[in-house]
Amino acid sequence: MLIFNENDDLAIISGNFELNPLKIGGISNLKAGETITAIGSPKGQLNTVSTGVISNADNDYDIRITAPISPGSSGGVLLNKNGKVIGITF
């Protein structure tokens, strides 16, 4: 593990993994009404998927969404309609 921040529930890891990394999407052109997908692990339930839309994206660091984010899912990925990462849920 390279970096771990318990307060933000976030870690950056390194290793010899046989995984394909997700592509990063731009966030500067996000608009209300765009479809999103959130993937998390609430209460130990791995890879739970919820969908919704962007309800407000008024700056580069705060994207409000309608998809439910349950306790335990913070640190999960937020994807745009093209499957690119646009955020981390909290």
N, C-alpha and C. Protein backbone atom coordinates (compact mmCIF):
# COMPACT_ATOMS: atom_id res chain seq x y z
N MET A 1 0.85 -1.17 0.00
CA MET A 1 0.00 0.00 0.00
C MET A 1 0.90 1.23 0.00
N LEU A 2 0.60 2.16 -0.88
CA LEU A 2 1.40 3.37 -0.98
C LEU A 2 0.89 4.47 -0.06
N ILE A 3 -0.43 4.71 -0.07
CA ILE A 3 -1.03 5.78 0.73
C ILE A 3 -2.34 5.26 1.30
N PHE A 4 -2.62 5.59 2.56
CA PHE A 4 -3.88 5.23 3.19
C PHE A 4 -4.36 6.40 4.02
N ASN A 5 -5.61 6.80 3.81
CA ASN A 5 -6.20 7.88 4.58
C ASN A 5 -7.50 7.37 5.17
N GLU A 6 -7.45 7.04 6.46
CA GLU A 6 -8.62 6.46 7.12
C GLU A 6 -9.80 7.43 7.17
N ASN A 7 -9.53 8.73 7.37
CA ASN A 7 -10.62 9.71 7.43
C ASN A 7 -11.39 9.81 6.13
N ASP A 8 -10.69 9.71 5.00
CA ASP A 8 -11.35 9.80 3.69
C ASP A 8 -11.71 8.43 3.13
N ASP A 9 -11.37 7.36 3.87
CA ASP A 9 -11.67 5.99 3.45
C ASP A 9 -11.12 5.73 2.05
N LEU A 10 -9.84 6.04 1.87
CA LEU A 10 -9.23 5.96 0.55
C LEU A 10 -7.81 5.43 0.66
N ALA A 11 -7.44 4.56 -0.27
CA ALA A 11 -6.08 4.03 -0.31
C ALA A 11 -5.60 4.00 -1.75
N ILE A 12 -4.32 4.23 -1.92
CA ILE A 12 -3.67 4.07 -3.21
C ILE A 12 -2.71 2.91 -3.03
N ILE A 13 -2.87 1.88 -3.88
CA ILE A 13 -2.07 0.68 -3.73
C ILE A 13 -1.24 0.43 -4.98
N SER A 14 -0.27 -0.40 -4.82
CA SER A 14 0.60 -0.77 -5.93
C SER A 14 0.84 -2.26 -5.83
N GLY A 15 1.01 -2.92 -6.96
CA GLY A 15 1.27 -4.34 -6.92
C GLY A 15 1.27 -4.93 -8.31
N ASN A 16 1.51 -6.20 -8.37
CA ASN A 16 1.52 -6.92 -9.63
C ASN A 16 0.15 -7.59 -9.79
N PHE A 17 -0.82 -6.82 -10.30
CA PHE A 17 -2.19 -7.29 -10.42
C PHE A 17 -2.50 -7.65 -11.86
N GLU A 18 -3.38 -8.59 -12.05
CA GLU A 18 -3.84 -8.94 -13.39
C GLU A 18 -5.22 -8.32 -13.60
N LEU A 19 -5.26 -7.00 -13.50
CA LEU A 19 -6.50 -6.25 -13.67
C LEU A 19 -6.30 -5.17 -14.72
N ASN A 20 -7.36 -4.82 -15.39
CA ASN A 20 -7.30 -3.69 -16.32
C ASN A 20 -7.78 -2.45 -15.58
N PRO A 21 -6.95 -1.41 -15.52
CA PRO A 21 -7.37 -0.20 -14.80
C PRO A 21 -8.50 0.51 -15.53
N LEU A 22 -9.34 1.18 -14.76
CA LEU A 22 -10.41 1.98 -15.34
C LEU A 22 -9.83 3.27 -15.90
N LYS A 23 -10.43 3.77 -16.94
CA LYS A 23 -9.99 5.03 -17.54
C LYS A 23 -10.62 6.20 -16.76
N ILE A 24 -9.88 7.29 -16.68
CA ILE A 24 -10.34 8.50 -16.00
C ILE A 24 -11.09 9.38 -17.00
N GLY A 25 -12.27 9.82 -16.62
CA GLY A 25 -13.07 10.70 -17.48
C GLY A 25 -12.94 12.15 -17.03
N GLY A 26 -13.17 13.05 -17.92
CA GLY A 26 -13.14 14.47 -17.58
C GLY A 26 -14.35 14.86 -16.75
N ILE A 27 -14.17 15.82 -15.86
CA ILE A 27 -15.28 16.26 -15.03
C ILE A 27 -15.68 17.70 -15.30
N SER A 28 -14.96 18.38 -16.17
CA SER A 28 -15.24 19.80 -16.39
C SER A 28 -16.53 20.04 -17.17
N ASN A 29 -17.01 19.05 -17.91
CA ASN A 29 -18.20 19.24 -18.72
C ASN A 29 -19.42 18.47 -18.23
N LEU A 30 -19.42 18.06 -16.97
CA LEU A 30 -20.56 17.31 -16.44
C LEU A 30 -21.78 18.21 -16.35
N LYS A 31 -22.94 17.63 -16.67
CA LYS A 31 -24.18 18.39 -16.63
C LYS A 31 -25.25 17.63 -15.86
N ALA A 32 -26.13 18.38 -15.24
CA ALA A 32 -27.26 17.78 -14.54
C ALA A 32 -28.07 16.94 -15.52
N GLY A 33 -28.50 15.77 -15.05
CA GLY A 33 -29.31 14.87 -15.87
C GLY A 33 -28.51 13.76 -16.53
N GLU A 34 -27.17 13.86 -16.52
CA GLU A 34 -26.35 12.79 -17.12
C GLU A 34 -26.40 11.55 -16.24
N THR A 35 -26.45 10.39 -16.88
CA THR A 35 -26.50 9.10 -16.19
C THR A 35 -25.16 8.77 -15.56
N ILE A 36 -25.20 8.22 -14.34
CA ILE A 36 -23.99 7.78 -13.63
C ILE A 36 -24.23 6.40 -13.02
N THR A 37 -23.14 5.74 -12.67
CA THR A 37 -23.19 4.46 -11.98
C THR A 37 -22.22 4.52 -10.81
N ALA A 38 -22.67 4.08 -9.65
CA ALA A 38 -21.82 4.02 -8.46
C ALA A 38 -21.63 2.55 -8.07
N ILE A 39 -20.39 2.19 -7.76
CA ILE A 39 -20.09 0.82 -7.33
C ILE A 39 -19.41 0.91 -5.97
N GLY A 40 -19.93 0.16 -5.00
CA GLY A 40 -19.38 0.18 -3.66
C GLY A 40 -19.59 -1.16 -2.98
N SER A 41 -19.29 -1.19 -1.69
CA SER A 41 -19.43 -2.42 -0.91
C SER A 41 -20.08 -2.14 0.44
N PRO A 42 -21.37 -1.78 0.45
CA PRO A 42 -22.02 -1.49 1.72
C PRO A 42 -22.17 -2.72 2.59
N LYS A 43 -21.83 -2.57 3.84
CA LYS A 43 -21.97 -3.64 4.83
C LYS A 43 -21.35 -4.95 4.36
N GLY A 44 -20.22 -4.86 3.63
CA GLY A 44 -19.52 -6.06 3.18
C GLY A 44 -20.06 -6.71 1.93
N GLN A 45 -21.11 -6.17 1.37
CA GLN A 45 -21.67 -6.70 0.13
C GLN A 45 -20.82 -6.18 -1.04
N LEU A 46 -19.96 -7.03 -1.59
CA LEU A 46 -19.00 -6.59 -2.59
C LEU A 46 -19.65 -6.19 -3.91
N ASN A 47 -19.13 -5.12 -4.49
CA ASN A 47 -19.48 -4.67 -5.83
C ASN A 47 -20.98 -4.45 -6.04
N THR A 48 -21.59 -3.74 -5.12
CA THR A 48 -22.99 -3.36 -5.26
C THR A 48 -23.08 -2.19 -6.23
N VAL A 49 -24.00 -2.28 -7.18
CA VAL A 49 -24.13 -1.26 -8.23
C VAL A 49 -25.43 -0.49 -8.05
N SER A 50 -25.34 0.83 -8.11
CA SER A 50 -26.55 1.66 -8.13
C SER A 50 -26.39 2.69 -9.24
N THR A 51 -27.51 3.06 -9.83
CA THR A 51 -27.49 4.01 -10.93
C THR A 51 -28.31 5.24 -10.57
N GLY A 52 -28.08 6.31 -11.28
CA GLY A 52 -28.81 7.54 -11.06
C GLY A 52 -28.37 8.57 -12.07
N VAL A 53 -28.58 9.81 -11.73
CA VAL A 53 -28.16 10.91 -12.60
C VAL A 53 -27.42 11.95 -11.77
N ILE A 54 -26.70 12.80 -12.47
CA ILE A 54 -26.07 13.94 -11.81
C ILE A 54 -27.18 14.94 -11.53
N SER A 55 -27.32 15.35 -10.28
CA SER A 55 -28.35 16.34 -9.95
C SER A 55 -27.77 17.75 -9.94
N ASN A 56 -26.47 17.86 -9.68
CA ASN A 56 -25.82 19.17 -9.70
C ASN A 56 -24.31 18.96 -9.74
N ALA A 57 -23.65 19.62 -10.66
CA ALA A 57 -22.19 19.56 -10.76
C ALA A 57 -21.69 20.98 -10.90
N ASP A 58 -21.72 21.73 -9.78
CA ASP A 58 -21.42 23.15 -9.86
C ASP A 58 -19.95 23.50 -9.72
N ASN A 59 -19.11 22.52 -9.40
CA ASN A 59 -17.68 22.77 -9.40
C ASN A 59 -16.94 21.46 -9.64
N ASP A 60 -15.64 21.52 -9.76
CA ASP A 60 -14.86 20.34 -10.12
C ASP A 60 -14.73 19.31 -9.01
N TYR A 61 -15.12 19.64 -7.78
CA TYR A 61 -14.88 18.73 -6.68
C TYR A 61 -16.13 18.21 -5.99
N ASP A 62 -17.28 18.70 -6.38
CA ASP A 62 -18.51 18.31 -5.70
C ASP A 62 -19.57 17.97 -6.74
N ILE A 63 -19.83 16.68 -6.90
CA ILE A 63 -20.83 16.21 -7.85
C ILE A 63 -21.96 15.59 -7.05
N ARG A 64 -23.14 16.17 -7.09
CA ARG A 64 -24.29 15.60 -6.39
C ARG A 64 -25.01 14.65 -7.33
N ILE A 65 -25.39 13.50 -6.80
CA ILE A 65 -26.00 12.45 -7.62
C ILE A 65 -27.27 11.93 -6.95
N THR A 66 -28.11 11.26 -7.75
CA THR A 66 -29.34 10.67 -7.20
C THR A 66 -29.16 9.19 -6.84
N ALA A 67 -28.07 8.56 -7.26
CA ALA A 67 -27.84 7.14 -6.93
C ALA A 67 -27.62 6.99 -5.43
N PRO A 68 -28.25 6.01 -4.81
CA PRO A 68 -28.06 5.82 -3.38
C PRO A 68 -26.65 5.32 -3.06
N ILE A 69 -26.06 5.91 -2.04
CA ILE A 69 -24.74 5.49 -1.54
C ILE A 69 -24.95 5.06 -0.10
N SER A 70 -24.90 3.77 0.16
CA SER A 70 -25.16 3.23 1.49
C SER A 70 -23.91 3.26 2.35
N PRO A 71 -24.08 3.28 3.68
CA PRO A 71 -22.91 3.23 4.56
C PRO A 71 -22.01 2.03 4.23
N GLY A 72 -20.73 2.27 4.17
CA GLY A 72 -19.77 1.24 3.80
C GLY A 72 -19.34 1.34 2.36
N SER A 73 -20.02 2.17 1.57
CA SER A 73 -19.68 2.31 0.16
C SER A 73 -18.75 3.49 -0.12
N SER A 74 -18.42 4.26 0.91
CA SER A 74 -17.52 5.38 0.66
C SER A 74 -16.19 4.84 0.15
N GLY A 75 -15.61 5.57 -0.75
CA GLY A 75 -14.38 5.11 -1.40
C GLY A 75 -14.66 4.32 -2.66
N GLY A 76 -15.94 4.11 -2.98
CA GLY A 76 -16.30 3.41 -4.21
C GLY A 76 -16.17 4.31 -5.42
N VAL A 77 -16.28 3.73 -6.57
CA VAL A 77 -16.07 4.46 -7.81
C VAL A 77 -17.38 5.03 -8.35
N LEU A 78 -17.29 6.21 -8.97
CA LEU A 78 -18.41 6.84 -9.65
C LEU A 78 -18.05 6.93 -11.13
N LEU A 79 -18.89 6.31 -11.97
CA LEU A 79 -18.61 6.22 -13.40
C LEU A 79 -19.59 7.04 -14.22
N ASN A 80 -19.11 7.59 -15.33
CA ASN A 80 -20.02 8.27 -16.26
C ASN A 80 -20.66 7.24 -17.18
N LYS A 81 -21.47 7.70 -18.12
CA LYS A 81 -22.21 6.78 -19.00
C LYS A 81 -21.28 5.98 -19.93
N ASN A 82 -20.03 6.42 -20.07
CA ASN A 82 -19.04 5.71 -20.90
C ASN A 82 -18.16 4.77 -20.08
N GLY A 83 -18.46 4.62 -18.78
CA GLY A 83 -17.69 3.72 -17.93
C GLY A 83 -16.36 4.29 -17.48
N LYS A 84 -16.19 5.60 -17.57
CA LYS A 84 -14.95 6.24 -17.12
C LYS A 84 -15.15 6.83 -15.73
N VAL A 85 -14.11 6.81 -14.93
CA VAL A 85 -14.16 7.29 -13.55
C VAL A 85 -14.29 8.81 -13.54
N ILE A 86 -15.32 9.31 -12.82
CA ILE A 86 -15.47 10.75 -12.66
C ILE A 86 -15.43 11.16 -11.19
N GLY A 87 -15.36 10.17 -10.29
CA GLY A 87 -15.30 10.50 -8.88
C GLY A 87 -15.21 9.31 -7.98
N ILE A 88 -15.06 9.61 -6.70
CA ILE A 88 -15.04 8.61 -5.64
C ILE A 88 -16.14 8.99 -4.67
N THR A 89 -16.98 8.03 -4.32
CA THR A 89 -18.14 8.34 -3.47
C THR A 89 -17.74 8.45 -2.02
N PHE A 90 -18.54 9.29 -1.30
CA PHE A 90 -18.37 9.40 0.15
C PHE A 90 -19.67 9.79 0.78
